[in-house]
Amino acid sequence: MNYELNNRYSRHLMLPEIGEEGQKKIMASRVLVVGAGGLGSPVMLYLAAAGVGTIGVIDADVVDLSNLQRQIIHHTKDLGTPKVESAKAKIMAVNPDVAVETYHEFLTPANALSIIQGYDFIVSCTDNLAAKALVSDTCVAAGKAFSHGGISEWTGQTFTHVPGTADYRAIFGPPPTEDRAQASAEATVTQAPVLGVLGAVAGMLGTIQAAETLKYLTGAGQLLTNRLLMFDALTMKFDVLTLGMD
């Protein structure tokens, strides 16, 4: 690595679990973020700072004033701008060495495989139930690893899937019925939650997803496979449910 890269990523290079070899893996990787909202915001910012080579982002929505309480990648000046374009600008501002691929569209059964198969790791940051199931089903079919995340009010939950471990169906049951799936498909991937949510909870969960992504890319540590991590920010209690599938 040259001096600038050594300096930018010096704190990663000091970690024995990452080092220069791990940082090179990060810089050569391609990660897709599904949803540029509350979870996707910290995920993309931390992945950009970490030097992920290519970050893809898919979202059909535009920035709304109600998003700004938790979707920290978007600013007031971005109101009315497609979220993927707003996110791209912030990623490039954090790290101009990162390539950004944008998809201003819904993730659907028609395009999911063609988009997902071009990435090394998928981060599911949508609050749309049909889209969550679609990400999982497509990743399983394509043999791709992914991180699932979900938040509501004061709580968050996440797990990581690699081929052969528990996926969304195994943990949460079957996806929505056909009628519910159709309704979800017509909604935006990052539609506002029905319930409220503390903005910082999105940051807590999204940061965990970013850490899982970087662990997967570098082979560091133990992933949240066959385990569901849950937390309640009101009590600041964290629990891990082991699924007994190891």
Protein backbone atom coordinates (compact mmCIF):
# COMPACT_ATOMS: atom_id res chain seq x y z
CA MET A 1 0.00 0.00 0.00
CA ASN A 2 1.12 3.55 -0.61
CA TYR A 3 1.57 6.13 2.15
CA GLU A 4 -1.90 7.64 1.77
CA LEU A 5 -3.65 4.27 2.04
CA ASN A 6 -1.47 3.21 4.93
CA ASN A 7 -2.38 6.40 6.74
CA ARG A 8 -6.12 6.28 5.93
CA TYR A 9 -6.51 2.68 7.07
CA SER A 10 -3.80 2.68 9.74
CA ARG A 11 -6.17 1.68 12.55
CA HIS A 12 -7.31 -1.34 10.57
CA LEU A 13 -3.73 -2.27 9.75
CA MET A 14 -2.95 -2.34 13.48
CA LEU A 15 -5.59 -5.01 14.09
CA PRO A 16 -4.03 -8.48 13.87
CA GLU A 17 -7.37 -9.85 12.64
CA ILE A 18 -7.31 -7.48 9.64
CA GLY A 19 -3.84 -6.13 8.88
CA GLU A 20 -2.72 -5.35 5.35
CA GLU A 21 -4.06 -8.58 3.89
CA GLY A 22 -7.51 -8.01 5.36
CA GLN A 23 -7.58 -4.39 4.23
CA LYS A 24 -6.76 -5.49 0.69
CA LYS A 25 -9.71 -7.89 0.85
CA ILE A 26 -11.98 -5.04 1.97
CA MET A 27 -10.76 -2.82 -0.86
CA ALA A 28 -11.35 -5.56 -3.44
CA SER A 29 -14.87 -6.38 -2.23
CA ARG A 30 -18.32 -5.53 -3.57
CA VAL A 31 -21.17 -4.99 -1.09
CA LEU A 32 -24.83 -4.30 -1.91
CA VAL A 33 -26.96 -2.33 0.55
CA VAL A 34 -30.70 -2.86 0.09
CA GLY A 35 -32.40 0.27 1.40
CA ALA A 36 -30.81 3.70 1.91
CA GLY A 37 -32.73 4.55 5.07
CA GLY A 38 -32.17 4.33 8.80
CA LEU A 39 -30.11 1.13 8.75
CA GLY A 40 -28.51 1.67 5.37
CA SER A 41 -27.19 5.09 6.40
CA PRO A 42 -24.66 3.98 9.05
CA VAL A 43 -23.90 0.83 7.08
CA MET A 44 -22.87 2.80 4.00
CA LEU A 45 -20.93 5.44 5.91
CA TYR A 46 -18.88 2.89 7.82
CA LEU A 47 -18.29 0.70 4.78
CA ALA A 48 -17.14 3.74 2.84
CA ALA A 49 -14.81 4.77 5.65
CA ALA A 50 -13.48 1.20 5.79
CA GLY A 51 -12.57 1.33 2.10
CA VAL A 52 -14.97 -1.23 0.62
CA GLY A 53 -14.08 -1.26 -3.07
CA THR A 54 -17.59 -1.03 -4.49
CA ILE A 55 -20.79 -0.19 -2.64
CA GLY A 56 -24.06 -0.81 -4.44
CA VAL A 57 -27.26 0.78 -3.13
CA ILE A 58 -30.82 0.06 -4.23
CA ASP A 59 -33.76 2.22 -3.16
CA ALA A 60 -36.70 3.62 -5.10
CA ASP A 61 -37.51 6.45 -2.67
CA VAL A 62 -36.61 10.14 -2.46
CA VAL A 63 -35.49 11.99 0.66
CA ASP A 64 -38.41 13.19 2.79
CA LEU A 65 -38.31 15.50 5.81
CA SER A 66 -39.51 12.68 8.07
CA ASN A 67 -36.44 10.61 7.11
CA LEU A 68 -33.91 13.00 8.60
CA GLN A 69 -34.55 11.99 12.24
CA ARG A 70 -32.74 8.67 11.69
CA GLN A 71 -31.42 8.45 8.10
CA ILE A 72 -28.17 10.25 8.81
CA ILE A 73 -26.66 9.87 5.35
CA HIS A 74 -29.24 12.37 4.06
CA HIS A 75 -29.22 16.09 4.84
CA THR A 76 -31.83 18.82 4.72
CA LYS A 77 -30.49 20.04 1.37
CA ASP A 78 -31.23 16.60 -0.10
CA LEU A 79 -35.01 16.83 0.28
CA GLY A 80 -36.67 15.54 -2.88
CA THR A 81 -33.44 13.92 -4.13
CA PRO A 82 -33.40 10.18 -4.88
CA LYS A 83 -31.94 8.49 -1.82
CA VAL A 84 -29.44 6.55 -3.90
CA GLU A 85 -28.00 9.77 -5.31
CA SER A 86 -27.91 11.45 -1.90
CA ALA A 87 -26.17 8.39 -0.45
CA LYS A 88 -23.66 8.25 -3.31
CA ALA A 89 -22.64 11.86 -2.73
CA LYS A 90 -21.97 11.23 0.98
CA ILE A 91 -20.07 8.00 0.30
CA MET A 92 -17.83 9.81 -2.18
CA ALA A 93 -17.32 12.65 0.29
CA VAL A 94 -16.18 10.17 2.95
CA ASN A 95 -13.93 8.19 0.61
CA PRO A 96 -13.46 9.11 -3.06
CA ASP A 97 -11.64 5.81 -3.67
CA VAL A 98 -14.90 3.88 -3.26
CA ALA A 99 -16.92 3.10 -6.39
CA VAL A 100 -20.70 3.48 -6.01
CA GLU A 101 -23.32 1.70 -8.10
CA THR A 102 -26.88 3.00 -7.74
CA TYR A 103 -30.25 1.41 -8.51
CA HIS A 104 -33.12 3.89 -8.23
CA GLU A 105 -35.76 1.17 -8.33
CA PHE A 106 -37.52 -1.43 -6.23
CA LEU A 107 -35.90 -4.78 -5.58
CA THR A 108 -38.32 -7.21 -7.21
CA PRO A 109 -38.42 -10.91 -8.11
CA ALA A 110 -37.65 -9.84 -11.68
CA ASN A 111 -34.39 -8.00 -10.92
CA ALA A 112 -33.20 -9.39 -7.58
CA LEU A 113 -30.98 -12.18 -8.88
CA SER A 114 -29.35 -10.13 -11.63
CA ILE A 115 -28.44 -7.40 -9.12
CA ILE A 116 -27.49 -9.53 -6.12
CA GLN A 117 -25.30 -12.03 -7.95
CA GLY A 118 -22.80 -9.28 -8.79
CA TYR A 119 -21.87 -8.68 -5.13
CA ASP A 120 -19.85 -10.51 -2.48
CA PHE A 121 -22.08 -9.64 0.47
CA ILE A 122 -25.60 -8.23 0.81
CA VAL A 123 -26.83 -6.01 3.65
CA SER A 124 -30.61 -6.08 4.05
CA CYS A 125 -31.62 -2.69 5.44
CA THR A 126 -35.25 -2.56 4.33
CA ASP A 127 -38.28 -2.54 6.65
CA ASN A 128 -40.48 -4.07 3.96
CA LEU A 129 -41.34 -7.67 4.94
CA ALA A 130 -41.65 -8.90 1.36
CA ALA A 131 -38.30 -7.34 0.47
CA LYS A 132 -36.64 -8.93 3.51
CA ALA A 133 -37.87 -12.36 2.40
CA LEU A 134 -36.87 -11.64 -1.21
CA VAL A 135 -33.32 -10.72 -0.22
CA SER A 136 -33.00 -13.89 1.82
CA ASP A 137 -34.51 -16.20 -0.80
CA THR A 138 -32.38 -14.72 -3.58
CA CYS A 139 -29.17 -14.90 -1.55
CA VAL A 140 -29.85 -18.52 -0.63
CA ALA A 141 -30.50 -19.38 -4.28
CA ALA A 142 -27.36 -17.54 -5.41
CA GLY A 143 -25.15 -18.84 -2.60
CA LYS A 144 -24.56 -15.34 -1.25
CA ALA A 145 -23.94 -14.27 2.35
CA PHE A 146 -26.05 -11.48 3.83
CA SER A 147 -26.81 -9.51 6.99
CA HIS A 148 -30.43 -9.08 8.07
CA GLY A 149 -31.48 -6.11 10.18
CA GLY A 150 -34.77 -4.89 11.60
CA ILE A 151 -35.78 -2.17 14.06
CA SER A 152 -38.98 -1.04 15.75
CA GLU A 153 -39.49 1.59 18.43
CA TRP A 154 -36.62 0.94 20.90
CA THR A 155 -35.58 -2.50 19.67
CA GLY A 156 -33.36 -4.04 17.03
CA GLN A 157 -32.53 -7.50 15.75
CA THR A 158 -29.97 -8.91 13.36
CA PHE A 159 -28.39 -12.12 12.12
CA THR A 160 -25.87 -13.06 9.46
CA HIS A 161 -26.36 -15.78 6.87
CA VAL A 162 -23.70 -17.68 4.99
CA PRO A 163 -24.52 -20.68 2.80
CA GLY A 164 -25.68 -23.58 4.93
CA THR A 165 -26.81 -21.51 7.92
CA ALA A 166 -30.22 -20.21 9.02
CA ASP A 167 -31.91 -17.75 6.69
CA TYR A 168 -34.94 -15.45 7.04
CA ARG A 169 -37.47 -18.24 6.50
CA ALA A 170 -35.82 -20.52 9.05
CA ILE A 171 -35.92 -17.82 11.72
CA PHE A 172 -39.14 -15.92 11.02
CA GLY A 173 -41.24 -18.43 9.10
CA PRO A 174 -42.76 -18.10 5.63
CA PRO A 175 -42.79 -14.76 3.81
CA PRO A 176 -45.99 -12.67 3.55
CA THR A 177 -49.03 -14.06 1.77
CA GLU A 178 -49.43 -13.28 -1.93
CA ASP A 179 -51.79 -10.37 -1.19
CA ARG A 180 -49.45 -8.88 1.41
CA ALA A 181 -46.44 -9.44 -0.82
CA GLN A 182 -48.13 -7.65 -3.71
CA ALA A 183 -48.99 -4.73 -1.46
CA SER A 184 -45.41 -4.61 -0.20
CA ALA A 185 -43.99 -4.79 -3.72
CA GLU A 186 -45.95 -1.68 -4.61
CA ALA A 187 -44.61 0.17 -1.60
CA THR A 188 -41.15 1.70 -1.32
CA VAL A 189 -38.32 -0.51 -0.09
CA THR A 190 -37.68 1.88 2.78
CA GLN A 191 -41.23 2.94 3.59
CA ALA A 192 -41.64 4.70 6.93
CA PRO A 193 -42.34 2.26 9.77
CA VAL A 194 -45.92 2.00 11.01
CA LEU A 195 -44.54 2.34 14.55
CA GLY A 196 -42.18 5.02 15.77
CA VAL A 197 -38.47 4.42 16.20
CA LEU A 198 -35.73 6.13 18.15
CA GLY A 199 -33.30 7.42 15.57
CA ALA A 200 -30.24 6.24 17.49
CA VAL A 201 -31.56 2.65 17.45
CA ALA A 202 -31.10 2.64 13.67
CA GLY A 203 -27.51 3.72 14.22
CA MET A 204 -26.90 0.99 16.80
CA LEU A 205 -28.25 -1.78 14.59
CA GLY A 206 -26.74 -0.49 11.35
CA THR A 207 -23.31 -0.25 12.93
CA ILE A 208 -23.55 -3.89 14.02
CA GLN A 209 -24.46 -4.85 10.45
CA ALA A 210 -21.46 -2.91 9.15
CA ALA A 211 -19.18 -4.74 11.59
CA GLU A 212 -20.59 -8.11 10.49
CA THR A 213 -19.97 -7.16 6.86
CA LEU A 214 -16.33 -6.29 7.49
CA LYS A 215 -15.83 -9.46 9.56
CA TYR A 216 -17.18 -11.53 6.69
CA LEU A 217 -14.99 -9.81 4.12
CA THR A 218 -11.83 -10.29 6.17
CA GLY A 219 -12.62 -13.60 7.86
CA ALA A 220 -12.21 -12.03 11.29
CA GLY A 221 -14.01 -13.19 14.41
CA GLN A 222 -17.27 -15.12 14.75
CA LEU A 223 -20.26 -14.10 12.65
CA LEU A 224 -23.86 -13.99 13.88
CA THR A 225 -24.68 -17.17 11.97
CA ASN A 226 -27.40 -19.39 13.46
CA ARG A 227 -27.83 -16.71 16.10
CA LEU A 228 -30.29 -13.85 16.40
CA LEU A 229 -29.00 -10.81 18.26
CA MET A 230 -31.73 -8.70 19.87
CA PHE A 231 -31.48 -5.54 21.95
CA ASP A 232 -33.78 -3.14 23.75
CA ALA A 233 -32.36 0.37 23.98
CA LEU A 234 -34.83 1.35 26.72
CA THR A 235 -33.20 -1.10 29.13
CA MET A 236 -29.95 -1.47 27.17
CA LYS A 237 -30.25 -5.24 27.35
CA PHE A 238 -28.72 -7.42 24.65
CA ASP A 239 -29.70 -11.05 24.09
CA VAL A 240 -28.55 -13.67 21.61
CA LEU A 241 -30.88 -16.48 20.63
CA THR A 242 -28.97 -19.57 19.47
CA LEU A 243 -30.89 -21.46 16.80
CA GLY A 244 -29.27 -24.85 17.35
CA MET A 245 -28.36 -25.33 13.67
CA ASP A 246 -24.56 -25.46 13.97
